[in-house]
Amino acid sequence: MEIIKEGPSTSCSSVLDGKKYSYWKPRMIFFIKTLNGKTWRAFVIGYEPSMVTVDGVSVSKPKVNWIEAEEQASVGNARAINAIFNGVDLNVFKLINSCTTAKEAWKILEVAYEGTSKVKISRLQLITSKFEALKMTEDESVSEYNQRVLEIANDPLLLDERISESKIVRKVLAPYPGNLT
């Protein structure tokens, strides 16, 4: 098992270097959640700058005319995108440096590291097959086998899917005499 040298922090997120996206993603989500509600809202729902119509043309509303809610929405987006920008290394940053909203940057990273919906379906099918084929080896300890089961069972979470607890329990108990399932 690989040891992650980066420690937890409440003031800065982990850094995505193009590897370990599955490690980085849930940490970044919870980091953004802890910033504040407006930041989380901008991240999940997105942010659209306020517009006004001038001479029949839609233009950005001047910031001096913003009401408090518009200011807070803008600040929420700025905090969220700042967290994402600071949570990636220079190479990954190149993918998202032109983004103006956190939601846009996040979607680009999701597609880059998780793929499109067709790719996700393929990956889920592969993970499911891998999970179903998983067997405990003779030289493997219970702890090692359990760790392998849980590692594979957690993979679909990154694709917003989950393997049911009952399937996981059956898989863990399957190697035992009398098959307790």
Foldseek 3Di string as FASTA:
>chain_A
DDDDPDDDDLPAAAEAAPPPCVVRVVRLLVSQPVVDDLLNCCQVVNDDADWDADPNDIDGDPPVPDDPVNVSNLVSQVVLVVRVCRRYDPVLCVQPVVDDGNNVSVVSVCCVPQNDPVSVVVVVVVLVVVLVPQDDDPPDDLVRSLVVNVVSQCVCVSVVDGDDPVSSVQSSQCVDPVSPD
